């Protein structure tokens, strides 16, 4: 079997970072705790972009959580519902 890391380096992809950011923001909703904190175990590039978009406070630091802004909380919940919640009859 081929090493996945070697396969990934051989494939050139044009990644839509906005879609990646939406999925990361939705998954932050999944790990939400203490009202507006979420575990920050995601790609640093995505977290930095979410910070620049005003969805989370600066992710830098030793704490294991990020703080979602009001806009981030609303968008995170909406994206989670859109992407991961089954509609009736599905």
C-alpha atoms as a PDB file:
ATOM      1  CA  UNK A   1       0.000   0.000   0.000  1.00  0.00           C
ATOM      2  CA  UNK A   2       1.274   3.465  -0.825  1.00  0.00           C
ATOM      3  CA  UNK A   3       2.014   5.910   1.984  1.00  0.00           C
ATOM      4  CA  UNK A   4      -0.843   8.515   2.040  1.00  0.00           C
ATOM      5  CA  UNK A   5       1.646  11.316   2.694  1.00  0.00           C
ATOM      6  CA  UNK A   6       3.502  10.432  -0.493  1.00  0.00           C
ATOM      7  CA  UNK A   7       0.265  10.229  -2.457  1.00  0.00           C
ATOM      8  CA  UNK A   8      -0.892  13.627  -1.161  1.00  0.00           C
ATOM      9  CA  UNK A   9       2.368  15.269  -2.177  1.00  0.00           C
ATOM     10  CA  UNK A  10       1.994  13.946  -5.734  1.00  0.00           C
ATOM     11  CA  UNK A  11      -1.524  15.348  -6.181  1.00  0.00           C
ATOM     12  CA  UNK A  12      -1.972  19.042  -6.864  1.00  0.00           C
ATOM     13  CA  UNK A  13      -5.312  20.379  -5.692  1.00  0.00           C
ATOM     14  CA  UNK A  14      -6.809  23.818  -5.821  1.00  0.00           C
ATOM     15  CA  UNK A  15      -8.403  23.888  -2.357  1.00  0.00           C
ATOM     16  CA  UNK A  16     -11.335  26.227  -1.699  1.00  0.00           C
ATOM     17  CA  UNK A  17     -10.198  27.656   1.634  1.00  0.00           C
ATOM     18  CA  UNK A  18     -13.584  29.320   2.247  1.00  0.00           C
ATOM     19  CA  UNK A  19     -15.254  25.889   2.185  1.00  0.00           C
ATOM     20  CA  UNK A  20     -12.580  24.496   4.501  1.00  0.00           C
ATOM     21  CA  UNK A  21     -13.163  27.439   6.847  1.00  0.00           C
ATOM     22  CA  UNK A  22     -16.928  26.790   6.817  1.00  0.00           C
ATOM     23  CA  UNK A  23     -16.438  23.141   7.768  1.00  0.00           C
ATOM     24  CA  UNK A  24     -13.942  24.025  10.521  1.00  0.00           C
ATOM     25  CA  UNK A  25     -16.346  26.663  11.877  1.00  0.00           C
ATOM     26  CA  UNK A  26     -19.194  24.117  11.823  1.00  0.00           C
ATOM     27  CA  UNK A  27     -17.036  21.600  13.679  1.00  0.00           C
ATOM     28  CA  UNK A  28     -16.132  24.236  16.258  1.00  0.00           C
ATOM     29  CA  UNK A  29     -19.865  24.258  17.093  1.00  0.00           C
ATOM     30  CA  UNK A  30     -19.629  20.500  17.697  1.00  0.00           C
ATOM     31  CA  UNK A  31     -16.905  21.030  20.325  1.00  0.00           C
ATOM     32  CA  UNK A  32     -18.519  24.095  21.923  1.00  0.00           C
ATOM     33  CA  UNK A  33     -18.291  24.328  25.706  1.00  0.00           C
ATOM     34  CA  UNK A  34     -18.647  27.067  28.346  1.00  0.00           C
ATOM     35  CA  UNK A  35     -20.992  29.074  26.084  1.00  0.00           C
ATOM     36  CA  UNK A  36     -18.481  30.282  23.477  1.00  0.00           C
ATOM     37  CA  UNK A  37     -15.302  28.224  23.779  1.00  0.00           C
ATOM     38  CA  UNK A  38     -14.403  25.461  21.330  1.00  0.00           C
ATOM     39  CA  UNK A  39     -11.457  23.091  21.122  1.00  0.00           C
ATOM     40  CA  UNK A  40      -8.871  24.410  18.696  1.00  0.00           C
ATOM     41  CA  UNK A  41      -7.521  21.131  17.362  1.00  0.00           C
ATOM     42  CA  UNK A  42      -7.824  22.246  13.744  1.00  0.00           C
ATOM     43  CA  UNK A  43      -5.483  23.459  11.028  1.00  0.00           C
ATOM     44  CA  UNK A  44      -3.715  26.664  12.092  1.00  0.00           C
ATOM     45  CA  UNK A  45      -4.215  28.239   8.676  1.00  0.00           C
ATOM     46  CA  UNK A  46      -7.981  27.777   8.930  1.00  0.00           C
ATOM     47  CA  UNK A  47      -8.053  29.121  12.489  1.00  0.00           C
ATOM     48  CA  UNK A  48      -6.061  32.183  11.457  1.00  0.00           C
ATOM     49  CA  UNK A  49      -8.408  32.819   8.522  1.00  0.00           C
ATOM     50  CA  UNK A  50     -11.436  32.488  10.831  1.00  0.00           C
ATOM     51  CA  UNK A  51      -9.808  35.022  13.144  1.00  0.00           C
ATOM     52  CA  UNK A  52      -9.269  37.442  10.244  1.00  0.00           C
ATOM     53  CA  UNK A  53     -12.921  36.943   9.210  1.00  0.00           C
ATOM     54  CA  UNK A  54     -14.046  37.907  12.726  1.00  0.00           C
ATOM     55  CA  UNK A  55     -15.468  34.483  13.609  1.00  0.00           C
ATOM     56  CA  UNK A  56     -13.065  33.720  16.483  1.00  0.00           C
ATOM     57  CA  UNK A  57     -10.714  35.673  18.693  1.00  0.00           C
ATOM     58  CA  UNK A  58      -6.965  35.318  18.113  1.00  0.00           C
ATOM     59  CA  UNK A  59      -6.171  31.574  18.331  1.00  0.00           C
ATOM     60  CA  UNK A  60      -2.559  32.111  19.396  1.00  0.00           C
ATOM     61  CA  UNK A  61      -1.655  31.041  22.889  1.00  0.00           C
ATOM     62  CA  UNK A  62      -1.274  27.974  25.046  1.00  0.00           C
ATOM     63  CA  UNK A  63      -4.946  27.482  25.908  1.00  0.00           C
ATOM     64  CA  UNK A  64      -6.619  24.577  24.157  1.00  0.00           C
ATOM     65  CA  UNK A  65      -9.762  26.486  23.192  1.00  0.00           C
ATOM     66  CA  UNK A  66     -10.678  29.398  20.966  1.00  0.00           C
ATOM     67  CA  UNK A  67     -13.357  31.967  21.713  1.00  0.00           C
ATOM     68  CA  UNK A  68     -16.113  32.381  19.143  1.00  0.00           C
ATOM     69  CA  UNK A  69     -17.400  35.900  18.523  1.00  0.00           C
ATOM     70  CA  UNK A  70     -21.144  36.620  18.385  1.00  0.00           C
ATOM     71  CA  UNK A  71     -21.009  36.397  14.580  1.00  0.00           C
ATOM     72  CA  UNK A  72     -18.922  33.240  14.867  1.00  0.00           C
ATOM     73  CA  UNK A  73     -21.436  31.592  17.192  1.00  0.00           C
ATOM     74  CA  UNK A  74     -24.370  32.355  14.882  1.00  0.00           C
ATOM     75  CA  UNK A  75     -22.541  31.276  11.715  1.00  0.00           C
ATOM     76  CA  UNK A  76     -21.085  28.189  13.393  1.00  0.00           C
ATOM     77  CA  UNK A  77     -24.512  26.953  14.478  1.00  0.00           C
ATOM     78  CA  UNK A  78     -26.061  27.713  11.079  1.00  0.00           C
ATOM     79  CA  UNK A  79     -23.277  25.892   9.225  1.00  0.00           C
ATOM     80  CA  UNK A  80     -23.432  22.902  11.575  1.00  0.00           C
ATOM     81  CA  UNK A  81     -27.185  22.634  10.994  1.00  0.00           C
ATOM     82  CA  UNK A  82     -26.821  23.043   7.227  1.00  0.00           C
ATOM     83  CA  UNK A  83     -23.973  20.562   6.854  1.00  0.00           C
ATOM     84  CA  UNK A  84     -24.600  17.901   9.477  1.00  0.00           C
ATOM     85  CA  UNK A  85     -28.207  17.832  10.711  1.00  0.00           C
ATOM     86  CA  UNK A  86     -30.484  15.375   8.920  1.00  0.00           C
ATOM     87  CA  UNK A  87     -33.728  16.794   7.583  1.00  0.00           C
ATOM     88  CA  UNK A  88     -36.965  14.933   8.379  1.00  0.00           C
ATOM     89  CA  UNK A  89     -37.524  12.068   5.953  1.00  0.00           C
ATOM     90  CA  UNK A  90     -33.867  11.579   5.038  1.00  0.00           C
END
